[in-house]
Amino acid sequence: MGGVRVILISGRTLEQGTNLENKLSDEYMNATAVCELSERELEKLGLKGDGTERVRVRTSAGEIVVAAKKGEGYPEGVAFIPMGPWANAVVNGNTKGSGMPFFKGIEAEIEPTDDEIPSIYDLMRRYKE
């Protein structure tokens, strides 16, 4: 099955914020290592969107594997990853002098994968290299 092209956005969520003090926990990973997609995008990808399937999100800044979930109220062509280490893997670090990366309007391609979601430890090793 092929991929879909979307505009990726990131932002804070209640679940992400609730677990900020516990970033090494499974709860934090479950809250932030996800990509929410519209029902239409999930259909195109052949996915259920129940969080048990994984997708590879690829942007010009990098790529990451995360769980695929159905997002409520997202228009077709938009995907959302909560702020956190998994979103940071696909967000360009160039702040253009603002001091804050651009977390909205990122062109991305998303495709189903059987690859594992990297742990926060895997991500730290990736950035260290």
C-alpha atoms as a PDB file:
ATOM      1  CA  MET A   1       0.000   0.000   0.000  1.00  0.00           C
ATOM      2  CA  GLY A   2       1.285   3.464  -0.852  1.00  0.00           C
ATOM      3  CA  GLY A   3       1.517   6.545   1.281  1.00  0.00           C
ATOM      4  CA  VAL A   4      -0.388   9.785   1.566  1.00  0.00           C
ATOM      5  CA  ARG A   5       0.871  13.346   1.429  1.00  0.00           C
ATOM      6  CA  VAL A   6      -0.359  15.580   4.241  1.00  0.00           C
ATOM      7  CA  ILE A   7       0.297  18.809   6.060  1.00  0.00           C
ATOM      8  CA  LEU A   8       1.682  17.923   9.477  1.00  0.00           C
ATOM      9  CA  ILE A   9       0.994  20.001  12.557  1.00  0.00           C
ATOM     10  CA  SER A  10       2.083  19.565  16.142  1.00  0.00           C
ATOM     11  CA  GLY A  11       0.859  21.008  19.393  1.00  0.00           C
ATOM     12  CA  ARG A  12       0.184  20.310  23.013  1.00  0.00           C
ATOM     13  CA  THR A  13      -2.431  17.833  24.170  1.00  0.00           C
ATOM     14  CA  LEU A  14      -3.917  17.112  27.581  1.00  0.00           C
ATOM     15  CA  GLU A  15      -2.334  13.638  27.653  1.00  0.00           C
ATOM     16  CA  GLN A  16       1.060  15.000  26.628  1.00  0.00           C
ATOM     17  CA  GLY A  17       0.910  17.748  29.230  1.00  0.00           C
ATOM     18  CA  THR A  18      -0.228  15.401  31.992  1.00  0.00           C
ATOM     19  CA  ASN A  19       2.878  13.272  31.500  1.00  0.00           C
ATOM     20  CA  LEU A  20       5.506  16.025  31.121  1.00  0.00           C
ATOM     21  CA  GLU A  21       7.031  15.200  34.501  1.00  0.00           C
ATOM     22  CA  ASN A  22       7.318  11.534  33.563  1.00  0.00           C
ATOM     23  CA  LYS A  23       8.905  11.577  30.086  1.00  0.00           C
ATOM     24  CA  LEU A  24      10.536   8.167  30.462  1.00  0.00           C
ATOM     25  CA  SER A  25       7.216   6.444  31.120  1.00  0.00           C
ATOM     26  CA  ASP A  26       5.098   4.285  28.830  1.00  0.00           C
ATOM     27  CA  GLU A  27       2.252   6.742  29.427  1.00  0.00           C
ATOM     28  CA  TYR A  28       4.275   9.590  27.939  1.00  0.00           C
ATOM     29  CA  MET A  29       5.278   7.474  24.942  1.00  0.00           C
ATOM     30  CA  ASN A  30       1.663   6.403  24.393  1.00  0.00           C
ATOM     31  CA  ALA A  31       0.577  10.057  24.561  1.00  0.00           C
ATOM     32  CA  THR A  32       3.197  11.462  22.197  1.00  0.00           C
ATOM     33  CA  ALA A  33       4.432   8.716  19.846  1.00  0.00           C
ATOM     34  CA  VAL A  34       1.242   8.884  17.779  1.00  0.00           C
ATOM     35  CA  CYS A  35       0.057  10.388  14.541  1.00  0.00           C
ATOM     36  CA  GLU A  36      -3.598  11.318  14.347  1.00  0.00           C
ATOM     37  CA  LEU A  37      -5.142  11.191  10.895  1.00  0.00           C
ATOM     38  CA  SER A  38      -8.548  11.826   9.399  1.00  0.00           C
ATOM     39  CA  GLU A  39     -10.763   8.860   8.651  1.00  0.00           C
ATOM     40  CA  ARG A  40     -10.188   9.452   4.933  1.00  0.00           C
ATOM     41  CA  GLU A  41      -6.381   9.261   5.262  1.00  0.00           C
ATOM     42  CA  LEU A  42      -6.681   6.105   7.333  1.00  0.00           C
ATOM     43  CA  GLU A  43      -8.861   4.557   4.609  1.00  0.00           C
ATOM     44  CA  LYS A  44      -6.299   5.479   1.945  1.00  0.00           C
ATOM     45  CA  LEU A  45      -3.601   3.798   4.040  1.00  0.00           C
ATOM     46  CA  GLY A  46      -5.742   0.736   4.758  1.00  0.00           C
ATOM     47  CA  LEU A  47      -5.537   1.318   8.515  1.00  0.00           C
ATOM     48  CA  LYS A  48      -8.073   1.144  11.342  1.00  0.00           C
ATOM     49  CA  GLY A  49      -6.594   3.975  13.367  1.00  0.00           C
ATOM     50  CA  ASP A  50      -7.015   2.227  16.709  1.00  0.00           C
ATOM     51  CA  GLY A  51      -3.417   2.834  17.806  1.00  0.00           C
ATOM     52  CA  THR A  52      -2.232  -0.728  17.186  1.00  0.00           C
ATOM     53  CA  GLU A  53      -0.859  -0.033  13.695  1.00  0.00           C
ATOM     54  CA  ARG A  54       2.204   2.008  12.873  1.00  0.00           C
ATOM     55  CA  VAL A  55       3.070   4.583  10.256  1.00  0.00           C
ATOM     56  CA  ARG A  56       6.316   6.129   9.055  1.00  0.00           C
ATOM     57  CA  VAL A  57       6.115   9.914   8.910  1.00  0.00           C
ATOM     58  CA  ARG A  58       8.699  11.460   6.594  1.00  0.00           C
ATOM     59  CA  THR A  59       9.440  15.178   6.176  1.00  0.00           C
ATOM     60  CA  SER A  60      12.385  17.116   4.781  1.00  0.00           C
ATOM     61  CA  ALA A  61      13.769  17.225   8.351  1.00  0.00           C
ATOM     62  CA  GLY A  62      13.671  13.482   9.043  1.00  0.00           C
ATOM     63  CA  GLU A  63      11.424  10.512   9.655  1.00  0.00           C
ATOM     64  CA  ILE A  64       9.868   8.690  12.572  1.00  0.00           C
ATOM     65  CA  VAL A  65       7.684   5.643  13.212  1.00  0.00           C
ATOM     66  CA  VAL A  66       4.652   6.247  15.431  1.00  0.00           C
ATOM     67  CA  ALA A  67       1.265   4.693  16.164  1.00  0.00           C
ATOM     68  CA  ALA A  68      -1.613   5.597  13.827  1.00  0.00           C
ATOM     69  CA  LYS A  69      -4.794   6.885  15.468  1.00  0.00           C
ATOM     70  CA  LYS A  70      -8.012   8.299  14.157  1.00  0.00           C
ATOM     71  CA  GLY A  71      -8.182  11.993  14.924  1.00  0.00           C
ATOM     72  CA  GLU A  72     -11.527  13.590  15.564  1.00  0.00           C
ATOM     73  CA  GLY A  73     -12.330  16.669  13.517  1.00  0.00           C
ATOM     74  CA  TYR A  74      -9.228  16.769  11.332  1.00  0.00           C
ATOM     75  CA  PRO A  75      -9.842  17.807   7.756  1.00  0.00           C
ATOM     76  CA  GLU A  76      -8.600  15.562   4.990  1.00  0.00           C
ATOM     77  CA  GLY A  77      -4.932  16.172   4.263  1.00  0.00           C
ATOM     78  CA  VAL A  78      -3.927  17.140   7.811  1.00  0.00           C
ATOM     79  CA  ALA A  79      -2.016  14.982  10.318  1.00  0.00           C
ATOM     80  CA  PHE A  80      -1.164  15.744  13.953  1.00  0.00           C
ATOM     81  CA  ILE A  81       1.673  14.529  16.186  1.00  0.00           C
ATOM     82  CA  PRO A  82       1.683  15.823  19.788  1.00  0.00           C
ATOM     83  CA  MET A  83       4.718  17.871  20.801  1.00  0.00           C
ATOM     84  CA  GLY A  84       7.494  15.683  22.109  1.00  0.00           C
ATOM     85  CA  PRO A  85      10.578  13.762  21.004  1.00  0.00           C
ATOM     86  CA  TRP A  86       8.751  11.920  18.227  1.00  0.00           C
ATOM     87  CA  ALA A  87       7.435  15.144  16.680  1.00  0.00           C
ATOM     88  CA  ASN A  88      10.874  16.721  17.066  1.00  0.00           C
ATOM     89  CA  ALA A  89      12.283  13.998  14.801  1.00  0.00           C
ATOM     90  CA  VAL A  90      10.339  15.432  11.848  1.00  0.00           C
ATOM     91  CA  VAL A  91      10.376  19.157  12.661  1.00  0.00           C
ATOM     92  CA  ASN A  92      13.092  21.331  11.134  1.00  0.00           C
ATOM     93  CA  GLY A  93      15.359  22.735  13.842  1.00  0.00           C
ATOM     94  CA  ASN A  94      15.964  25.973  11.932  1.00  0.00           C
ATOM     95  CA  THR A  95      14.040  28.594  13.887  1.00  0.00           C
ATOM     96  CA  LYS A  96      14.862  31.396  11.417  1.00  0.00           C
ATOM     97  CA  GLY A  97      15.851  33.593  14.346  1.00  0.00           C
ATOM     98  CA  SER A  98      12.631  33.107  16.325  1.00  0.00           C
ATOM     99  CA  GLY A  99      14.080  30.628  18.821  1.00  0.00           C
ATOM    100  CA  MET A 100      11.128  28.282  18.235  1.00  0.00           C
ATOM    101  CA  PRO A 101      10.845  25.625  15.510  1.00  0.00           C
ATOM    102  CA  PHE A 102       7.869  25.774  13.194  1.00  0.00           C
ATOM    103  CA  PHE A 103       5.429  23.087  14.338  1.00  0.00           C
ATOM    104  CA  LYS A 104       2.727  23.852  11.780  1.00  0.00           C
ATOM    105  CA  GLY A 105       2.367  23.525   8.024  1.00  0.00           C
ATOM    106  CA  ILE A 106       5.024  20.841   7.481  1.00  0.00           C
ATOM    107  CA  GLU A 107       4.757  18.852   4.260  1.00  0.00           C
ATOM    108  CA  ALA A 108       4.912  15.146   5.092  1.00  0.00           C
ATOM    109  CA  GLU A 109       4.432  11.736   3.581  1.00  0.00           C
ATOM    110  CA  ILE A 110       2.916   8.979   5.685  1.00  0.00           C
ATOM    111  CA  GLU A 111       2.966   5.272   4.924  1.00  0.00           C
ATOM    112  CA  PRO A 112       2.099   2.121   6.853  1.00  0.00           C
ATOM    113  CA  THR A 113       5.004   0.184   8.328  1.00  0.00           C
ATOM    114  CA  ASP A 114       5.697  -2.843  10.479  1.00  0.00           C
ATOM    115  CA  ASP A 115       8.787  -1.184  11.940  1.00  0.00           C
ATOM    116  CA  GLU A 116       8.836  -0.632  15.685  1.00  0.00           C
ATOM    117  CA  ILE A 117       8.278   2.740  17.323  1.00  0.00           C
ATOM    118  CA  PRO A 118      11.628   3.890  18.692  1.00  0.00           C
ATOM    119  CA  SER A 119      11.796   4.310  22.456  1.00  0.00           C
ATOM    120  CA  ILE A 120      12.826   7.607  23.965  1.00  0.00           C
ATOM    121  CA  TYR A 121      16.208   5.998  24.659  1.00  0.00           C
ATOM    122  CA  ASP A 122      16.537   5.091  20.954  1.00  0.00           C
ATOM    123  CA  LEU A 123      15.757   8.703  20.049  1.00  0.00           C
ATOM    124  CA  MET A 124      18.356  10.041  22.487  1.00  0.00           C
ATOM    125  CA  ARG A 125      20.978   7.724  20.971  1.00  0.00           C
ATOM    126  CA  ARG A 126      19.987   8.895  17.490  1.00  0.00           C
ATOM    127  CA  TYR A 127      20.448  12.558  18.402  1.00  0.00           C
ATOM    128  CA  LYS A 128      23.709  11.921  20.225  1.00  0.00           C
ATOM    129  CA  GLU A 129      25.354  10.484  17.097  1.00  0.00           C
END
